[in-house]
C-alpha atoms as a PDB file:
ATOM      1  CA  MET A   1      -7.783  16.552 -10.054  1.00  0.00           C
ATOM      2  CA  ASP A   2     -10.348  13.947 -11.037  1.00  0.00           C
ATOM      3  CA  PRO A   3     -13.282  13.993  -8.594  1.00  0.00           C
ATOM      4  CA  ARG A   4     -13.593  10.205  -8.734  1.00  0.00           C
ATOM      5  CA  ILE A   5     -10.055   9.793  -7.422  1.00  0.00           C
ATOM      6  CA  LEU A   6     -10.724  12.265  -4.610  1.00  0.00           C
ATOM      7  CA  ARG A   7     -14.005  10.549  -3.760  1.00  0.00           C
ATOM      8  CA  GLY A   8     -12.285   7.159  -3.621  1.00  0.00           C
ATOM      9  CA  GLY A   9      -9.480   8.541  -1.462  1.00  0.00           C
ATOM     10  CA  PHE A  10     -11.998  10.158   0.860  1.00  0.00           C
ATOM     11  CA  ARG A  11     -13.840   6.854   1.255  1.00  0.00           C
ATOM     12  CA  ILE A  12     -10.600   5.057   2.120  1.00  0.00           C
ATOM     13  CA  ALA A  13      -9.673   7.786   4.607  1.00  0.00           C
ATOM     14  CA  VAL A  14     -13.073   7.614   6.307  1.00  0.00           C
ATOM     15  CA  LEU A  15     -12.783   3.814   6.461  1.00  0.00           C
ATOM     16  CA  ILE A  16      -9.385   4.037   8.190  1.00  0.00           C
ATOM     17  CA  LEU A  17     -10.540   6.739  10.591  1.00  0.00           C
ATOM     18  CA  GLY A  18     -13.870   5.053  11.342  1.00  0.00           C
ATOM     19  CA  ALA A  19     -12.323   1.643  11.968  1.00  0.00           C
ATOM     20  CA  ALA A  20      -9.726   3.135  14.301  1.00  0.00           C
ATOM     21  CA  LEU A  21     -12.327   5.092  16.253  1.00  0.00           C
ATOM     22  CA  LEU A  22     -14.615   2.061  16.441  1.00  0.00           C
ATOM     23  CA  ILE A  23     -11.869  -0.221  17.798  1.00  0.00           C
ATOM     24  CA  PHE A  24     -10.329   2.329  20.196  1.00  0.00           C
ATOM     25  CA  PRO A  25     -12.703   1.878  23.189  1.00  0.00           C
ATOM     26  CA  PHE A  26     -12.107  -1.871  23.246  1.00  0.00           C
ATOM     27  CA  GLU A  27      -8.312  -1.702  23.440  1.00  0.00           C
ATOM     28  CA  PRO A  28      -6.617  -2.225  26.821  1.00  0.00           C
ATOM     29  CA  ALA A  29      -5.308   1.034  28.269  1.00  0.00           C
ATOM     30  CA  GLY A  30      -1.600   1.586  27.726  1.00  0.00           C
ATOM     31  CA  SER A  31      -1.159  -1.379  25.406  1.00  0.00           C
ATOM     32  CA  ALA A  32       0.698  -1.437  22.103  1.00  0.00           C
ATOM     33  CA  GLU A  33      -2.606  -2.069  20.320  1.00  0.00           C
ATOM     34  CA  GLN A  34      -4.032   1.163  21.686  1.00  0.00           C
ATOM     35  CA  ILE A  35      -0.996   3.124  20.461  1.00  0.00           C
ATOM     36  CA  VAL A  36      -1.299   1.619  16.983  1.00  0.00           C
ATOM     37  CA  THR A  37      -5.015   2.431  16.947  1.00  0.00           C
ATOM     38  CA  VAL A  38      -4.331   6.054  17.899  1.00  0.00           C
ATOM     39  CA  MET A  39      -1.680   6.246  15.167  1.00  0.00           C
ATOM     40  CA  ALA A  40      -4.148   4.826  12.625  1.00  0.00           C
ATOM     41  CA  ALA A  41      -6.750   7.403  13.689  1.00  0.00           C
ATOM     42  CA  ALA A  42      -4.157  10.174  13.276  1.00  0.00           C
ATOM     43  CA  VAL A  43      -3.213   8.937   9.804  1.00  0.00           C
ATOM     44  CA  GLY A  44      -6.886   8.667   8.833  1.00  0.00           C
ATOM     45  CA  GLY A  45      -7.595  12.176  10.137  1.00  0.00           C
ATOM     46  CA  ALA A  46      -4.601  13.604   8.292  1.00  0.00           C
ATOM     47  CA  PHE A  47      -5.720  11.795   5.145  1.00  0.00           C
ATOM     48  CA  VAL A  48      -9.244  13.254   5.436  1.00  0.00           C
ATOM     49  CA  GLY A  49      -7.787  16.723   6.043  1.00  0.00           C
ATOM     50  CA  GLY A  50      -5.404  16.427   3.106  1.00  0.00           C
ATOM     51  CA  ILE A  51      -8.155  15.403   0.733  1.00  0.00           C
ATOM     52  CA  ALA A  52     -10.395  18.215   1.984  1.00  0.00           C
ATOM     53  CA  LEU A  53      -7.534  20.652   1.361  1.00  0.00           C
ATOM     54  CA  LEU A  54      -7.003  19.285  -2.164  1.00  0.00           C
ATOM     55  CA  VAL A  55     -10.697  19.676  -2.931  1.00  0.00           C
ATOM     56  CA  ARG A  56     -10.752  23.201  -1.514  1.00  0.00           C
ATOM     57  CA  LEU A  57      -7.681  24.318  -3.470  1.00  0.00           C
ATOM     58  CA  GLY A  58      -8.673  22.495  -6.646  1.00  0.00           C
ATOM     59  CA  ASN A  59     -12.040  24.174  -7.103  1.00  0.00           C
ATOM     60  CA  ALA A  60     -12.307  27.568  -8.735  1.00  0.00           C
ATOM     61  CA  PRO A  61     -13.670  30.347  -6.527  1.00  0.00           C
ATOM     62  CA  LEU A  62     -17.280  31.336  -7.041  1.00  0.00           C
ATOM     63  CA  PRO A  63     -17.839  34.405  -9.231  1.00  0.00           C
ATOM     64  CA  HIS A  64     -18.597  37.688  -7.519  1.00  0.00           C
ATOM     65  CA  ASP A  65     -22.303  38.519  -7.473  1.00  0.00           C
ATOM     66  CA  SER A  66     -22.592  41.986  -8.966  1.00  0.00           C
ATOM     67  CA  THR A  67     -26.391  42.105  -9.140  1.00  0.00           C
ATOM     68  CA  GLU A  68     -28.188  44.975  -7.468  1.00  0.00           C
ATOM     69  CA  ARG A  69     -29.449  44.146  -3.996  1.00  0.00           C
ATOM     70  CA  LYS A  70     -33.078  44.904  -3.266  1.00  0.00           C
ATOM     71  CA  GLY A  71     -34.479  45.633   0.171  1.00  0.00           C
ATOM     72  CA  TYR A  72     -37.584  44.086   1.660  1.00  0.00           C
ATOM     73  CA  ASN A  73     -39.842  46.739   0.183  1.00  0.00           C
ATOM     74  CA  GLY A  74     -38.545  46.179  -3.360  1.00  0.00           C
ATOM     75  CA  ARG A  75     -36.693  49.480  -3.690  1.00  0.00           C
ATOM     76  CA  SER A  76     -33.026  49.504  -4.490  1.00  0.00           C
ATOM     77  CA  THR A  77     -30.649  50.041  -1.593  1.00  0.00           C
ATOM     78  CA  THR A  78     -28.497  52.295  -3.793  1.00  0.00           C
ATOM     79  CA  GLU A  79     -31.252  54.889  -4.326  1.00  0.00           C
ATOM     80  CA  GLY A  80     -31.019  58.252  -2.590  1.00  0.00           C
ATOM     81  CA  ARG A  81     -32.787  58.547   0.730  1.00  0.00           C
END
């Protein structure tokens, strides 16, 4: 998937989540506005999680490092002891 689309979606998701979390403390307890704000925060969080999952699944895994590991003293760890 195009990284620009994912970046734009992530920005929108963070905007929704951030706005909901910013407004939440100022809502009256138990009001309809507070419920809508919590729902918006849940949608924003799910959106952030979905985009993170798409990015994680869309990227190829890193190649395995097959180079020989050296110890602190410079000798190979695979040498006989």
